[in-house]
Amino acid sequence: MTTDTAADTDTEPSDEPVAVSGAEQLDDLLASHDVVLVDFYADWCGPCKMLEPVVERLAAETDAIVAKVDVDANQQLASDYGVRGVPTLVLFADGTQVEEVVGVQPEDQLRSLVASHT
């Protein structure tokens, strides 16, 4: 029975941010979900820590999949997306990058950004 429950939750949108450990995992998320918000962050980054509760709420309360990429552990991936500062939030719709914002943003602005593509 536990296996069936686990299989069911894998098909449902995640209500928590998904930790991305590499380009292949990010590519899979982009291919399998309509709207993906990617938070490029660093553990040592104060503004990233300030933004974390907002990112968690967006994951729980919107239809978008929210992914988190640690730029220290995934330097090449961050470089591939032109991340020069953290936090950087990149929004994808249908696998295509449609928005990018750098720095801490108000929650209502991020919600509007996600809503405009869902």
N, C-alpha and C. Protein backbone atom coordinates (compact mmCIF):
# COMPACT_ATOMS: atom_id res chain seq x y z
N MET A 1 0.81 -1.19 0.00
CA MET A 1 0.00 0.00 0.00
C MET A 1 0.86 1.26 0.00
N THR A 2 1.92 1.27 0.75
CA THR A 2 2.78 2.44 0.80
C THR A 2 3.36 2.75 -0.57
N THR A 3 3.69 1.73 -1.32
CA THR A 3 4.24 1.93 -2.66
C THR A 3 3.25 2.65 -3.56
N ASP A 4 1.96 2.27 -3.49
CA ASP A 4 0.94 2.93 -4.30
C ASP A 4 0.83 4.40 -3.95
N THR A 5 0.85 4.72 -2.65
CA THR A 5 0.76 6.10 -2.20
C THR A 5 1.94 6.90 -2.71
N ALA A 6 3.13 6.34 -2.63
CA ALA A 6 4.32 7.03 -3.12
C ALA A 6 4.23 7.27 -4.62
N ALA A 7 3.72 6.30 -5.35
CA ALA A 7 3.57 6.46 -6.80
C ALA A 7 2.57 7.57 -7.11
N ASP A 8 1.50 7.66 -6.33
CA ASP A 8 0.50 8.70 -6.55
C ASP A 8 1.07 10.08 -6.31
N THR A 9 1.90 10.24 -5.28
CA THR A 9 2.44 11.56 -4.97
C THR A 9 3.46 12.00 -6.00
N ASP A 10 4.10 11.07 -6.68
CA ASP A 10 5.08 11.43 -7.71
C ASP A 10 4.41 12.11 -8.90
N THR A 11 3.15 11.80 -9.16
CA THR A 11 2.47 12.38 -10.31
C THR A 11 1.81 13.71 -9.98
N GLU A 12 1.65 14.03 -8.73
CA GLU A 12 1.02 15.28 -8.32
C GLU A 12 2.05 16.40 -8.30
N PRO A 13 1.60 17.65 -8.54
CA PRO A 13 2.53 18.77 -8.41
C PRO A 13 3.07 18.84 -6.99
N SER A 14 4.32 19.19 -6.88
CA SER A 14 4.97 19.25 -5.58
C SER A 14 4.53 20.51 -4.86
N ASP A 15 4.26 20.39 -3.56
CA ASP A 15 3.92 21.58 -2.79
C ASP A 15 5.13 22.07 -2.00
N GLU A 16 6.29 21.54 -2.31
CA GLU A 16 7.55 21.99 -1.73
C GLU A 16 8.53 22.21 -2.87
N PRO A 17 9.49 23.13 -2.67
CA PRO A 17 10.52 23.30 -3.71
C PRO A 17 11.27 22.00 -3.96
N VAL A 18 11.63 21.78 -5.21
CA VAL A 18 12.38 20.59 -5.62
C VAL A 18 13.85 20.97 -5.71
N ALA A 19 14.69 20.28 -4.95
CA ALA A 19 16.13 20.52 -5.02
C ALA A 19 16.68 19.91 -6.30
N VAL A 20 17.31 20.73 -7.13
CA VAL A 20 17.85 20.27 -8.41
C VAL A 20 19.34 20.05 -8.24
N SER A 21 19.78 18.86 -8.65
CA SER A 21 21.19 18.51 -8.46
C SER A 21 21.99 18.49 -9.76
N GLY A 22 21.39 18.96 -10.85
CA GLY A 22 22.14 19.01 -12.10
C GLY A 22 21.28 19.36 -13.28
N ALA A 23 21.94 19.57 -14.42
CA ALA A 23 21.26 20.01 -15.64
C ALA A 23 20.23 18.99 -16.11
N GLU A 24 20.54 17.71 -16.01
CA GLU A 24 19.60 16.68 -16.49
C GLU A 24 18.31 16.72 -15.69
N GLN A 25 18.42 16.87 -14.39
CA GLN A 25 17.21 16.92 -13.55
C GLN A 25 16.39 18.18 -13.87
N LEU A 26 17.05 19.32 -14.08
CA LEU A 26 16.34 20.53 -14.44
C LEU A 26 15.66 20.37 -15.80
N ASP A 27 16.37 19.80 -16.76
CA ASP A 27 15.79 19.55 -18.08
C ASP A 27 14.54 18.68 -17.99
N ASP A 28 14.59 17.65 -17.13
CA ASP A 28 13.43 16.77 -16.94
C ASP A 28 12.24 17.55 -16.37
N LEU A 29 12.50 18.42 -15.39
CA LEU A 29 11.42 19.23 -14.81
C LEU A 29 10.81 20.15 -15.87
N LEU A 30 11.67 20.78 -16.66
CA LEU A 30 11.18 21.71 -17.68
C LEU A 30 10.37 20.98 -18.75
N ALA A 31 10.76 19.74 -19.07
CA ALA A 31 10.06 18.96 -20.09
C ALA A 31 8.72 18.42 -19.58
N SER A 32 8.60 18.19 -18.28
CA SER A 32 7.41 17.52 -17.77
C SER A 32 6.41 18.44 -17.08
N HIS A 33 6.71 19.75 -16.98
CA HIS A 33 5.80 20.68 -16.32
C HIS A 33 5.65 21.95 -17.16
N ASP A 34 4.44 22.49 -17.17
CA ASP A 34 4.16 23.68 -17.97
C ASP A 34 4.89 24.92 -17.46
N VAL A 35 4.84 25.14 -16.15
CA VAL A 35 5.44 26.34 -15.57
C VAL A 35 6.39 25.92 -14.45
N VAL A 36 7.64 26.37 -14.55
CA VAL A 36 8.66 26.05 -13.56
C VAL A 36 9.35 27.34 -13.15
N LEU A 37 9.39 27.60 -11.87
CA LEU A 37 10.12 28.73 -11.31
C LEU A 37 11.39 28.19 -10.66
N VAL A 38 12.55 28.64 -11.14
CA VAL A 38 13.82 28.14 -10.63
C VAL A 38 14.48 29.22 -9.78
N ASP A 39 14.79 28.87 -8.55
CA ASP A 39 15.46 29.76 -7.61
C ASP A 39 16.93 29.36 -7.55
N PHE A 40 17.80 30.17 -8.17
CA PHE A 40 19.24 29.98 -8.05
C PHE A 40 19.68 30.70 -6.79
N TYR A 41 20.23 29.96 -5.84
CA TYR A 41 20.53 30.50 -4.52
C TYR A 41 21.88 29.98 -4.02
N ALA A 42 22.32 30.54 -2.87
CA ALA A 42 23.50 30.03 -2.17
C ALA A 42 23.18 29.99 -0.69
N ASP A 43 23.70 28.99 0.00
CA ASP A 43 23.44 28.85 1.44
C ASP A 43 23.96 30.03 2.24
N TRP A 44 25.05 30.65 1.80
CA TRP A 44 25.67 31.75 2.53
C TRP A 44 25.02 33.10 2.24
N CYS A 45 24.06 33.14 1.35
CA CYS A 45 23.46 34.38 0.86
C CYS A 45 22.32 34.84 1.77
N GLY A 46 22.48 35.99 2.41
CA GLY A 46 21.44 36.55 3.27
C GLY A 46 20.13 36.81 2.55
N PRO A 47 20.17 37.52 1.41
CA PRO A 47 18.92 37.75 0.68
C PRO A 47 18.23 36.44 0.25
N CYS A 48 19.01 35.42 -0.06
CA CYS A 48 18.43 34.12 -0.43
C CYS A 48 17.64 33.55 0.75
N LYS A 49 18.19 33.70 1.95
CA LYS A 49 17.50 33.21 3.15
C LYS A 49 16.22 33.99 3.40
N MET A 50 16.25 35.30 3.09
CA MET A 50 15.05 36.13 3.25
C MET A 50 13.97 35.70 2.27
N LEU A 51 14.37 35.29 1.08
CA LEU A 51 13.43 34.91 0.03
C LEU A 51 12.89 33.49 0.21
N GLU A 52 13.58 32.66 0.96
CA GLU A 52 13.22 31.25 1.08
C GLU A 52 11.77 31.01 1.50
N PRO A 53 11.23 31.70 2.53
CA PRO A 53 9.82 31.46 2.89
C PRO A 53 8.86 31.81 1.76
N VAL A 54 9.17 32.84 0.98
CA VAL A 54 8.34 33.23 -0.15
C VAL A 54 8.35 32.12 -1.20
N VAL A 55 9.52 31.61 -1.49
CA VAL A 55 9.67 30.54 -2.49
C VAL A 55 8.89 29.30 -2.03
N GLU A 56 8.96 28.99 -0.74
CA GLU A 56 8.23 27.83 -0.21
C GLU A 56 6.72 28.04 -0.32
N ARG A 57 6.24 29.26 -0.05
CA ARG A 57 4.80 29.52 -0.20
C ARG A 57 4.37 29.42 -1.65
N LEU A 58 5.19 29.94 -2.56
CA LEU A 58 4.85 29.84 -3.98
C LEU A 58 4.74 28.38 -4.41
N ALA A 59 5.64 27.55 -3.91
CA ALA A 59 5.59 26.12 -4.24
C ALA A 59 4.30 25.49 -3.72
N ALA A 60 3.89 25.89 -2.53
CA ALA A 60 2.71 25.29 -1.91
C ALA A 60 1.40 25.84 -2.47
N GLU A 61 1.40 27.09 -2.93
CA GLU A 61 0.14 27.76 -3.23
C GLU A 61 -0.08 28.10 -4.70
N THR A 62 0.86 27.78 -5.57
CA THR A 62 0.65 28.05 -7.00
C THR A 62 0.72 26.75 -7.79
N ASP A 63 0.33 26.81 -9.05
CA ASP A 63 0.38 25.63 -9.91
C ASP A 63 1.77 25.39 -10.47
N ALA A 64 2.68 26.35 -10.29
CA ALA A 64 4.04 26.19 -10.82
C ALA A 64 4.83 25.20 -9.97
N ILE A 65 5.74 24.51 -10.63
CA ILE A 65 6.73 23.72 -9.92
C ILE A 65 7.85 24.68 -9.55
N VAL A 66 8.30 24.65 -8.32
CA VAL A 66 9.38 25.51 -7.87
C VAL A 66 10.60 24.65 -7.64
N ALA A 67 11.69 25.02 -8.31
CA ALA A 67 12.95 24.28 -8.18
C ALA A 67 13.99 25.18 -7.56
N LYS A 68 14.88 24.59 -6.78
CA LYS A 68 15.97 25.33 -6.16
C LYS A 68 17.29 24.76 -6.65
N VAL A 69 18.18 25.66 -7.10
CA VAL A 69 19.49 25.26 -7.58
C VAL A 69 20.55 25.96 -6.74
N ASP A 70 21.33 25.18 -6.02
CA ASP A 70 22.45 25.71 -5.23
C ASP A 70 23.58 26.05 -6.20
N VAL A 71 23.88 27.34 -6.33
CA VAL A 71 24.87 27.76 -7.32
C VAL A 71 26.28 27.29 -6.99
N ASP A 72 26.56 27.06 -5.70
CA ASP A 72 27.88 26.56 -5.33
C ASP A 72 28.06 25.11 -5.75
N ALA A 73 27.02 24.32 -5.63
CA ALA A 73 27.08 22.90 -6.00
C ALA A 73 26.86 22.69 -7.50
N ASN A 74 26.29 23.69 -8.16
CA ASN A 74 25.95 23.56 -9.59
C ASN A 74 26.45 24.78 -10.36
N GLN A 75 27.74 25.05 -10.26
CA GLN A 75 28.32 26.24 -10.88
C GLN A 75 28.12 26.28 -12.39
N GLN A 76 28.28 25.14 -13.05
CA GLN A 76 28.13 25.12 -14.50
C GLN A 76 26.69 25.40 -14.91
N LEU A 77 25.75 24.83 -14.18
CA LEU A 77 24.34 25.06 -14.48
C LEU A 77 23.99 26.54 -14.30
N ALA A 78 24.46 27.14 -13.21
CA ALA A 78 24.23 28.57 -12.99
C ALA A 78 24.86 29.38 -14.11
N SER A 79 26.04 29.02 -14.52
CA SER A 79 26.72 29.71 -15.61
C SER A 79 25.95 29.57 -16.92
N ASP A 80 25.42 28.38 -17.18
CA ASP A 80 24.65 28.14 -18.40
C ASP A 80 23.44 29.07 -18.50
N TYR A 81 22.87 29.45 -17.36
CA TYR A 81 21.71 30.33 -17.35
C TYR A 81 22.09 31.79 -17.09
N GLY A 82 23.38 32.09 -17.10
CA GLY A 82 23.83 33.46 -16.97
C GLY A 82 23.63 34.06 -15.60
N VAL A 83 23.59 33.22 -14.57
CA VAL A 83 23.39 33.71 -13.21
C VAL A 83 24.68 34.38 -12.74
N ARG A 84 24.57 35.66 -12.42
CA ARG A 84 25.73 36.43 -11.96
C ARG A 84 25.60 36.86 -10.51
N GLY A 85 24.39 36.81 -10.00
CA GLY A 85 24.14 37.18 -8.61
C GLY A 85 23.02 36.32 -8.06
N VAL A 86 23.00 36.20 -6.75
CA VAL A 86 21.96 35.41 -6.09
C VAL A 86 21.24 36.29 -5.08
N PRO A 87 19.95 36.07 -4.90
CA PRO A 87 19.13 35.09 -5.61
C PRO A 87 18.75 35.57 -7.02
N THR A 88 18.69 34.62 -7.93
CA THR A 88 18.17 34.85 -9.27
C THR A 88 17.02 33.88 -9.48
N LEU A 89 15.86 34.40 -9.86
CA LEU A 89 14.70 33.57 -10.13
C LEU A 89 14.43 33.59 -11.62
N VAL A 90 14.35 32.39 -12.20
CA VAL A 90 14.10 32.25 -13.63
C VAL A 90 12.80 31.49 -13.80
N LEU A 91 11.89 32.06 -14.59
CA LEU A 91 10.60 31.44 -14.84
C LEU A 91 10.58 30.85 -16.24
N PHE A 92 10.15 29.61 -16.32
CA PHE A 92 10.03 28.90 -17.59
C PHE A 92 8.56 28.57 -17.84
N ALA A 93 8.11 28.76 -19.06
CA ALA A 93 6.77 28.35 -19.48
C ALA A 93 6.94 27.49 -20.73
N ASP A 94 6.39 26.29 -20.66
CA ASP A 94 6.49 25.33 -21.77
C ASP A 94 7.94 25.10 -22.18
N GLY A 95 8.83 25.03 -21.18
CA GLY A 95 10.24 24.72 -21.43
C GLY A 95 11.09 25.88 -21.89
N THR A 96 10.49 27.06 -22.06
CA THR A 96 11.21 28.23 -22.54
C THR A 96 11.34 29.27 -21.43
N GLN A 97 12.53 29.84 -21.29
CA GLN A 97 12.72 30.89 -20.30
C GLN A 97 11.94 32.12 -20.73
N VAL A 98 11.06 32.61 -19.82
CA VAL A 98 10.21 33.75 -20.15
C VAL A 98 10.48 34.96 -19.26
N GLU A 99 11.04 34.76 -18.09
CA GLU A 99 11.31 35.86 -17.17
C GLU A 99 12.55 35.55 -16.34
N GLU A 100 13.21 36.61 -15.88
CA GLU A 100 14.33 36.47 -14.94
C GLU A 100 14.34 37.70 -14.05
N VAL A 101 14.41 37.47 -12.74
CA VAL A 101 14.53 38.56 -11.79
C VAL A 101 15.69 38.27 -10.84
N VAL A 102 16.42 39.31 -10.50
CA VAL A 102 17.57 39.17 -9.62
C VAL A 102 17.31 39.94 -8.34
N GLY A 103 17.63 39.31 -7.23
CA GLY A 103 17.45 39.96 -5.93
C GLY A 103 16.12 39.59 -5.31
N VAL A 104 15.94 40.03 -4.07
CA VAL A 104 14.71 39.75 -3.35
C VAL A 104 13.59 40.57 -3.98
N GLN A 105 12.49 39.90 -4.26
CA GLN A 105 11.32 40.53 -4.87
C GLN A 105 10.13 40.37 -3.93
N PRO A 106 9.20 41.32 -3.96
CA PRO A 106 7.99 41.17 -3.14
C PRO A 106 7.20 39.94 -3.56
N GLU A 107 6.60 39.29 -2.58
CA GLU A 107 5.85 38.05 -2.87
C GLU A 107 4.74 38.28 -3.88
N ASP A 108 4.02 39.40 -3.77
CA ASP A 108 2.92 39.64 -4.70
C ASP A 108 3.42 39.81 -6.14
N GLN A 109 4.60 40.38 -6.30
CA GLN A 109 5.17 40.51 -7.65
C GLN A 109 5.51 39.13 -8.23
N LEU A 110 6.10 38.27 -7.40
CA LEU A 110 6.44 36.92 -7.87
C LEU A 110 5.18 36.11 -8.17
N ARG A 111 4.15 36.26 -7.35
CA ARG A 111 2.88 35.57 -7.60
C ARG A 111 2.29 36.02 -8.95
N SER A 112 2.33 37.31 -9.21
CA SER A 112 1.80 37.85 -10.46
C SER A 112 2.59 37.31 -11.65
N LEU A 113 3.90 37.22 -11.49
CA LEU A 113 4.76 36.71 -12.53
C LEU A 113 4.39 35.27 -12.87
N VAL A 114 4.25 34.45 -11.84
CA VAL A 114 3.87 33.05 -12.04
C VAL A 114 2.46 32.96 -12.63
N ALA A 115 1.53 33.74 -12.09
CA ALA A 115 0.14 33.69 -12.55
C ALA A 115 0.00 34.10 -14.01
N SER A 116 0.87 34.98 -14.49
CA SER A 116 0.77 35.44 -15.86
C SER A 116 1.15 34.35 -16.87
N HIS A 117 1.71 33.25 -16.37
CA HIS A 117 2.11 32.16 -17.28
C HIS A 117 1.43 30.84 -16.94
N THR A 118 0.51 30.83 -15.97
CA THR A 118 -0.19 29.59 -15.63
C THR A 118 -1.59 29.60 -16.19
